[in-house]
Amino acid sequence: MTWQDDSELEHYQPEQYEPQQQEQESAKSQLQPLIQVFREGLIACLEECASGRKGLFSDFAHLSGDGSETAWPEAAKIRELAFALQSILAQSEEQDKLCDQFLDLCSIHGENDPGEPKLARAFLAEISGGR
């Protein structure tokens, strides 16, 4: 493609591409209610976990083998919501720091890992310090 003269370049308008940016911003604003539900649910679960309930960061934590502890469906829903939210945000090259941090904590498994209540208290302290 060749330009006939510089006047064609003068007619080029980068604003033509703003609708795509507006779509991304609109998509993010549409996700705000979902992000808010995640944050509220996460804080409620973190408070319960900090008080001693296990199973927020992993499905395996509540399985003691003797059946003395029961499953925590709200925690499972928060984990599922976090994975979904992270995936949706990644499609528009966005991130949610709280969601990413929570999923990072969910990936911790091993003998020397801090207990869930201790981990929940530390995460709550970090969240409240960041407000």
N, C-alpha and C. Protein backbone atom coordinates (compact mmCIF):
# COMPACT_ATOMS: atom_id res chain seq x y z
N MET A 1 0.84 -1.17 0.00
CA MET A 1 0.00 0.00 0.00
C MET A 1 0.89 1.23 0.00
N THR A 2 0.56 2.13 -0.86
CA THR A 2 1.32 3.37 -0.93
C THR A 2 0.40 4.53 -0.64
N TRP A 3 0.97 5.54 -0.06
CA TRP A 3 0.21 6.75 0.24
C TRP A 3 0.36 7.70 -0.95
N GLN A 4 -0.75 8.21 -1.40
CA GLN A 4 -0.73 9.12 -2.53
C GLN A 4 -0.09 10.45 -2.14
N ASP A 5 -0.42 10.92 -0.99
CA ASP A 5 0.21 12.12 -0.48
C ASP A 5 0.05 12.15 1.04
N ASP A 6 0.67 13.09 1.67
CA ASP A 6 0.62 13.18 3.12
C ASP A 6 -0.76 13.51 3.66
N SER A 7 -1.66 13.96 2.83
CA SER A 7 -3.00 14.32 3.30
C SER A 7 -3.74 13.09 3.82
N GLU A 8 -3.46 11.91 3.25
CA GLU A 8 -4.10 10.70 3.75
C GLU A 8 -3.65 10.39 5.18
N LEU A 9 -2.40 10.68 5.50
CA LEU A 9 -1.91 10.47 6.84
C LEU A 9 -2.58 11.42 7.83
N GLU A 10 -2.90 12.61 7.35
CA GLU A 10 -3.54 13.57 8.22
C GLU A 10 -4.95 13.13 8.61
N HIS A 11 -5.57 12.31 7.79
CA HIS A 11 -6.94 11.85 8.06
C HIS A 11 -6.96 10.65 9.01
N TYR A 12 -5.81 10.08 9.25
CA TYR A 12 -5.73 8.96 10.19
C TYR A 12 -6.10 9.45 11.58
N GLN A 13 -7.03 8.78 12.22
CA GLN A 13 -7.51 9.20 13.53
C GLN A 13 -7.36 8.04 14.52
N PRO A 14 -6.43 8.14 15.47
CA PRO A 14 -6.27 7.07 16.44
C PRO A 14 -7.50 6.88 17.31
N GLU A 15 -8.38 7.88 17.36
CA GLU A 15 -9.59 7.76 18.18
C GLU A 15 -10.48 6.62 17.68
N GLN A 16 -10.25 6.18 16.44
CA GLN A 16 -11.02 5.07 15.90
C GLN A 16 -10.89 3.83 16.79
N TYR A 17 -9.80 3.71 17.49
CA TYR A 17 -9.54 2.51 18.27
C TYR A 17 -9.96 2.65 19.73
N GLU A 18 -10.48 3.80 20.09
CA GLU A 18 -10.95 3.99 21.46
C GLU A 18 -12.11 3.07 21.84
N PRO A 19 -13.04 2.71 20.95
CA PRO A 19 -14.13 1.82 21.36
C PRO A 19 -13.63 0.51 21.98
N GLN A 20 -12.51 -0.02 21.48
CA GLN A 20 -11.97 -1.24 22.07
C GLN A 20 -11.55 -0.99 23.51
N GLN A 21 -10.90 0.13 23.76
CA GLN A 21 -10.49 0.48 25.12
C GLN A 21 -11.73 0.70 25.98
N GLN A 22 -12.74 1.35 25.42
CA GLN A 22 -13.98 1.56 26.16
C GLN A 22 -14.66 0.25 26.47
N GLU A 23 -14.59 -0.72 25.55
CA GLU A 23 -15.16 -2.04 25.79
C GLU A 23 -14.47 -2.71 26.96
N GLN A 24 -13.13 -2.62 27.02
CA GLN A 24 -12.39 -3.23 28.12
C GLN A 24 -12.75 -2.58 29.44
N GLU A 25 -12.85 -1.25 29.45
CA GLU A 25 -13.22 -0.56 30.67
C GLU A 25 -14.65 -0.90 31.07
N SER A 26 -15.52 -1.03 30.08
CA SER A 26 -16.91 -1.39 30.34
C SER A 26 -16.99 -2.81 30.90
N ALA A 27 -16.19 -3.72 30.33
CA ALA A 27 -16.18 -5.09 30.82
C ALA A 27 -15.70 -5.14 32.26
N LYS A 28 -14.67 -4.36 32.57
CA LYS A 28 -14.16 -4.33 33.94
C LYS A 28 -15.20 -3.75 34.89
N SER A 29 -15.89 -2.71 34.46
CA SER A 29 -16.92 -2.13 35.32
C SER A 29 -18.07 -3.10 35.51
N GLN A 30 -18.34 -3.92 34.52
CA GLN A 30 -19.38 -4.94 34.67
C GLN A 30 -18.97 -6.02 35.65
N LEU A 31 -17.66 -6.22 35.81
CA LEU A 31 -17.17 -7.23 36.75
C LEU A 31 -17.13 -6.73 38.19
N GLN A 32 -17.25 -5.43 38.40
CA GLN A 32 -17.15 -4.88 39.75
C GLN A 32 -18.11 -5.53 40.74
N PRO A 33 -19.37 -5.79 40.39
CA PRO A 33 -20.24 -6.47 41.37
C PRO A 33 -19.72 -7.87 41.73
N LEU A 34 -19.19 -8.58 40.74
CA LEU A 34 -18.63 -9.91 40.99
C LEU A 34 -17.40 -9.82 41.88
N ILE A 35 -16.55 -8.83 41.62
CA ILE A 35 -15.36 -8.62 42.44
C ILE A 35 -15.76 -8.29 43.87
N GLN A 36 -16.78 -7.46 44.03
CA GLN A 36 -17.25 -7.08 45.36
C GLN A 36 -17.81 -8.29 46.12
N VAL A 37 -18.57 -9.13 45.44
CA VAL A 37 -19.11 -10.34 46.07
C VAL A 37 -17.96 -11.24 46.52
N PHE A 38 -16.95 -11.37 45.66
CA PHE A 38 -15.78 -12.18 46.01
C PHE A 38 -15.10 -11.64 47.25
N ARG A 39 -14.85 -10.34 47.29
CA ARG A 39 -14.14 -9.73 48.42
C ARG A 39 -14.92 -9.90 49.72
N GLU A 40 -16.22 -9.63 49.67
CA GLU A 40 -17.03 -9.77 50.88
C GLU A 40 -17.07 -11.21 51.37
N GLY A 41 -17.24 -12.14 50.43
CA GLY A 41 -17.26 -13.56 50.80
C GLY A 41 -15.92 -14.04 51.32
N LEU A 42 -14.85 -13.57 50.70
CA LEU A 42 -13.51 -13.95 51.14
C LEU A 42 -13.24 -13.46 52.55
N ILE A 43 -13.57 -12.21 52.84
CA ILE A 43 -13.33 -11.67 54.17
C ILE A 43 -14.15 -12.42 55.22
N ALA A 44 -15.40 -12.74 54.90
CA ALA A 44 -16.23 -13.51 55.83
C ALA A 44 -15.61 -14.89 56.09
N CYS A 45 -15.14 -15.55 55.05
CA CYS A 45 -14.51 -16.86 55.21
C CYS A 45 -13.18 -16.76 55.95
N LEU A 46 -12.42 -15.72 55.66
CA LEU A 46 -11.14 -15.54 56.36
C LEU A 46 -11.37 -15.34 57.86
N GLU A 47 -12.39 -14.58 58.22
CA GLU A 47 -12.69 -14.36 59.63
C GLU A 47 -13.07 -15.66 60.31
N GLU A 48 -13.87 -16.47 59.63
CA GLU A 48 -14.27 -17.77 60.18
C GLU A 48 -13.07 -18.71 60.28
N CYS A 49 -12.22 -18.69 59.27
CA CYS A 49 -11.02 -19.53 59.28
C CYS A 49 -10.06 -19.09 60.38
N ALA A 50 -9.92 -17.79 60.57
CA ALA A 50 -9.04 -17.26 61.61
C ALA A 50 -9.50 -17.70 62.99
N SER A 51 -10.79 -17.99 63.12
CA SER A 51 -11.35 -18.46 64.40
C SER A 51 -11.19 -19.96 64.58
N GLY A 52 -10.63 -20.63 63.59
CA GLY A 52 -10.33 -22.05 63.76
C GLY A 52 -10.94 -23.00 62.75
N ARG A 53 -11.85 -22.55 61.92
CA ARG A 53 -12.44 -23.45 60.93
C ARG A 53 -11.44 -23.72 59.82
N LYS A 54 -11.35 -24.96 59.41
CA LYS A 54 -10.39 -25.36 58.37
C LYS A 54 -11.11 -25.68 57.07
N GLY A 55 -10.38 -25.50 55.97
CA GLY A 55 -10.91 -25.85 54.66
C GLY A 55 -11.06 -24.69 53.71
N LEU A 56 -10.59 -23.50 54.09
CA LEU A 56 -10.70 -22.35 53.20
C LEU A 56 -9.69 -22.42 52.07
N PHE A 57 -8.47 -22.74 52.38
CA PHE A 57 -7.40 -22.69 51.39
C PHE A 57 -7.25 -23.98 50.59
N SER A 58 -7.90 -25.05 51.05
CA SER A 58 -7.77 -26.33 50.37
C SER A 58 -8.91 -27.25 50.76
N ASP A 59 -9.41 -28.01 49.79
CA ASP A 59 -10.43 -29.02 50.10
C ASP A 59 -9.86 -30.10 51.02
N PHE A 60 -8.56 -30.31 50.95
CA PHE A 60 -7.95 -31.39 51.72
C PHE A 60 -7.84 -31.06 53.20
N ALA A 61 -7.87 -29.80 53.56
CA ALA A 61 -7.67 -29.40 54.96
C ALA A 61 -8.79 -29.87 55.87
N HIS A 62 -10.00 -29.98 55.33
CA HIS A 62 -11.11 -30.38 56.20
C HIS A 62 -11.25 -31.89 56.31
N LEU A 63 -10.47 -32.64 55.56
CA LEU A 63 -10.56 -34.09 55.61
C LEU A 63 -9.58 -34.64 56.63
N SER A 64 -10.09 -34.86 57.83
CA SER A 64 -9.21 -35.35 58.89
C SER A 64 -9.13 -36.87 58.91
N GLY A 65 -9.96 -37.52 58.11
CA GLY A 65 -9.91 -38.97 58.07
C GLY A 65 -10.91 -39.62 59.01
N ASP A 66 -11.24 -38.95 60.12
CA ASP A 66 -12.19 -39.55 61.06
C ASP A 66 -13.60 -38.98 60.89
N GLY A 67 -13.77 -38.07 59.95
CA GLY A 67 -15.08 -37.51 59.67
C GLY A 67 -15.55 -36.52 60.71
N SER A 68 -14.65 -36.09 61.59
CA SER A 68 -15.05 -35.17 62.66
C SER A 68 -15.31 -33.77 62.14
N GLU A 69 -14.70 -33.41 61.02
CA GLU A 69 -14.90 -32.08 60.45
C GLU A 69 -15.71 -32.23 59.16
N THR A 70 -16.53 -31.26 58.88
CA THR A 70 -17.38 -31.32 57.70
C THR A 70 -16.87 -30.39 56.62
N ALA A 71 -17.39 -30.62 55.43
CA ALA A 71 -17.01 -29.78 54.29
C ALA A 71 -17.49 -28.35 54.52
N TRP A 72 -16.86 -27.41 53.85
CA TRP A 72 -17.19 -25.99 53.97
C TRP A 72 -17.57 -25.49 52.58
N PRO A 73 -18.87 -25.57 52.24
CA PRO A 73 -19.29 -25.22 50.87
C PRO A 73 -19.03 -23.76 50.51
N GLU A 74 -19.13 -22.84 51.47
CA GLU A 74 -18.87 -21.42 51.18
C GLU A 74 -17.42 -21.22 50.76
N ALA A 75 -16.51 -21.93 51.41
CA ALA A 75 -15.09 -21.82 51.07
C ALA A 75 -14.84 -22.37 49.66
N ALA A 76 -15.50 -23.48 49.34
CA ALA A 76 -15.36 -24.05 48.00
C ALA A 76 -15.88 -23.07 46.95
N LYS A 77 -16.98 -22.39 47.25
CA LYS A 77 -17.54 -21.42 46.31
C LYS A 77 -16.60 -20.22 46.13
N ILE A 78 -15.97 -19.79 47.21
CA ILE A 78 -15.02 -18.67 47.12
C ILE A 78 -13.82 -19.06 46.25
N ARG A 79 -13.32 -20.28 46.43
CA ARG A 79 -12.20 -20.74 45.59
C ARG A 79 -12.62 -20.81 44.12
N GLU A 80 -13.82 -21.35 43.85
CA GLU A 80 -14.30 -21.44 42.48
C GLU A 80 -14.48 -20.05 41.87
N LEU A 81 -15.03 -19.12 42.65
CA LEU A 81 -15.22 -17.75 42.18
C LEU A 81 -13.88 -17.09 41.90
N ALA A 82 -12.91 -17.34 42.74
CA ALA A 82 -11.57 -16.76 42.53
C ALA A 82 -10.95 -17.27 41.23
N PHE A 83 -11.06 -18.57 40.98
CA PHE A 83 -10.52 -19.11 39.73
C PHE A 83 -11.24 -18.53 38.51
N ALA A 84 -12.56 -18.44 38.60
CA ALA A 84 -13.34 -17.89 37.48
C ALA A 84 -13.00 -16.42 37.26
N LEU A 85 -12.93 -15.66 38.33
CA LEU A 85 -12.63 -14.24 38.24
C LEU A 85 -11.25 -14.01 37.64
N GLN A 86 -10.28 -14.79 38.09
CA GLN A 86 -8.92 -14.66 37.56
C GLN A 86 -8.90 -14.96 36.06
N SER A 87 -9.64 -15.97 35.65
CA SER A 87 -9.70 -16.35 34.24
C SER A 87 -10.37 -15.27 33.40
N ILE A 88 -11.47 -14.72 33.89
CA ILE A 88 -12.18 -13.67 33.16
C ILE A 88 -11.32 -12.43 33.03
N LEU A 89 -10.69 -12.04 34.13
CA LEU A 89 -9.83 -10.85 34.10
C LEU A 89 -8.63 -11.04 33.17
N ALA A 90 -8.09 -12.25 33.14
CA ALA A 90 -6.93 -12.52 32.29
C ALA A 90 -7.26 -12.35 30.81
N GLN A 91 -8.51 -12.60 30.44
CA GLN A 91 -8.91 -12.44 29.04
C GLN A 91 -8.78 -11.00 28.57
N SER A 92 -8.94 -10.06 29.49
CA SER A 92 -8.77 -8.65 29.12
C SER A 92 -7.46 -8.09 29.69
N GLU A 93 -6.55 -9.00 30.01
CA GLU A 93 -5.23 -8.65 30.53
C GLU A 93 -5.31 -7.78 31.79
N GLU A 94 -6.27 -8.11 32.64
CA GLU A 94 -6.45 -7.42 33.92
C GLU A 94 -6.14 -8.40 35.04
N GLN A 95 -5.98 -7.86 36.24
CA GLN A 95 -5.74 -8.70 37.42
C GLN A 95 -6.47 -8.08 38.61
N ASP A 96 -6.75 -8.92 39.58
CA ASP A 96 -7.24 -8.46 40.87
C ASP A 96 -6.26 -8.97 41.91
N LYS A 97 -5.58 -8.06 42.57
CA LYS A 97 -4.51 -8.42 43.49
C LYS A 97 -5.00 -9.34 44.61
N LEU A 98 -6.16 -9.05 45.18
CA LEU A 98 -6.68 -9.86 46.27
C LEU A 98 -6.98 -11.28 45.80
N CYS A 99 -7.57 -11.39 44.64
CA CYS A 99 -7.88 -12.70 44.06
C CYS A 99 -6.60 -13.49 43.81
N ASP A 100 -5.61 -12.83 43.22
CA ASP A 100 -4.34 -13.51 42.93
C ASP A 100 -3.64 -13.96 44.21
N GLN A 101 -3.65 -13.10 45.23
CA GLN A 101 -3.02 -13.46 46.50
C GLN A 101 -3.72 -14.65 47.15
N PHE A 102 -5.04 -14.64 47.12
CA PHE A 102 -5.80 -15.73 47.70
C PHE A 102 -5.47 -17.05 46.99
N LEU A 103 -5.46 -17.04 45.67
CA LEU A 103 -5.15 -18.26 44.93
C LEU A 103 -3.71 -18.72 45.17
N ASP A 104 -2.80 -17.78 45.35
CA ASP A 104 -1.43 -18.15 45.71
C ASP A 104 -1.41 -18.88 47.05
N LEU A 105 -2.16 -18.36 48.01
CA LEU A 105 -2.21 -19.01 49.33
C LEU A 105 -2.87 -20.38 49.24
N CYS A 106 -3.83 -20.52 48.35
CA CYS A 106 -4.48 -21.83 48.16
C CYS A 106 -3.53 -22.87 47.59
N SER A 107 -2.48 -22.41 46.93
CA SER A 107 -1.53 -23.34 46.31
C SER A 107 -0.47 -23.84 47.28
N ILE A 108 -0.44 -23.31 48.50
CA ILE A 108 0.55 -23.73 49.48
C ILE A 108 0.14 -25.08 50.08
N HIS A 109 0.99 -26.06 49.91
CA HIS A 109 0.76 -27.38 50.50
C HIS A 109 2.11 -27.98 50.89
N GLY A 110 2.18 -28.53 52.07
CA GLY A 110 3.42 -29.16 52.50
C GLY A 110 3.53 -29.21 54.01
N GLU A 111 4.52 -29.92 54.49
CA GLU A 111 4.69 -30.14 55.92
C GLU A 111 4.94 -28.86 56.70
N ASN A 112 5.68 -27.93 56.14
CA ASN A 112 6.08 -26.73 56.88
C ASN A 112 5.17 -25.52 56.63
N ASP A 113 4.03 -25.75 56.00
CA ASP A 113 3.11 -24.65 55.73
C ASP A 113 2.46 -24.21 57.03
N PRO A 114 2.18 -22.90 57.14
CA PRO A 114 1.48 -22.43 58.34
C PRO A 114 0.06 -23.00 58.37
N GLY A 115 -0.48 -23.17 59.54
CA GLY A 115 -1.86 -23.65 59.65
C GLY A 115 -2.82 -22.65 59.05
N GLU A 116 -3.99 -23.15 58.64
CA GLU A 116 -4.97 -22.28 58.00
C GLU A 116 -5.40 -21.10 58.87
N PRO A 117 -5.70 -21.31 60.15
CA PRO A 117 -6.10 -20.15 60.96
C PRO A 117 -5.01 -19.07 61.03
N LYS A 118 -3.77 -19.50 61.16
CA LYS A 118 -2.66 -18.55 61.21
C LYS A 118 -2.52 -17.83 59.87
N LEU A 119 -2.65 -18.56 58.79
CA LEU A 119 -2.58 -17.99 57.46
C LEU A 119 -3.72 -17.00 57.23
N ALA A 120 -4.92 -17.35 57.68
CA ALA A 120 -6.08 -16.47 57.54
C ALA A 120 -5.89 -15.18 58.34
N ARG A 121 -5.38 -15.29 59.56
CA ARG A 121 -5.15 -14.09 60.38
C ARG A 121 -4.12 -13.17 59.71
N ALA A 122 -3.06 -13.75 59.18
CA ALA A 122 -2.03 -12.95 58.51
C ALA A 122 -2.58 -12.27 57.26
N PHE A 123 -3.40 -12.99 56.50
CA PHE A 123 -3.98 -12.43 55.29
C PHE A 123 -4.98 -11.32 55.62
N LEU A 124 -5.79 -11.53 56.65
CA LEU A 124 -6.72 -10.49 57.10
C LEU A 124 -5.98 -9.24 57.54
N ALA A 125 -4.88 -9.43 58.25
CA ALA A 125 -4.08 -8.28 58.70
C ALA A 125 -3.52 -7.52 57.51
N GLU A 126 -3.08 -8.26 56.50
CA GLU A 126 -2.54 -7.62 55.30
C GLU A 126 -3.63 -6.86 54.55
N ILE A 127 -4.82 -7.44 54.47
CA ILE A 127 -5.93 -6.79 53.77
C ILE A 127 -6.36 -5.53 54.52
N SER A 128 -6.50 -5.63 55.82
CA SER A 128 -6.95 -4.46 56.59
C SER A 128 -5.88 -3.37 56.63
N GLY A 129 -4.63 -3.75 56.52
CA GLY A 129 -3.55 -2.76 56.47
C GLY A 129 -3.49 -2.05 55.14
N GLY A 130 -4.02 -2.72 54.10
CA GLY A 130 -4.01 -2.14 52.77
C GLY A 130 -5.17 -1.23 52.47
N ARG A 131 -6.12 -1.14 53.38
CA ARG A 131 -7.31 -0.29 53.16
C ARG A 131 -7.04 1.13 53.46
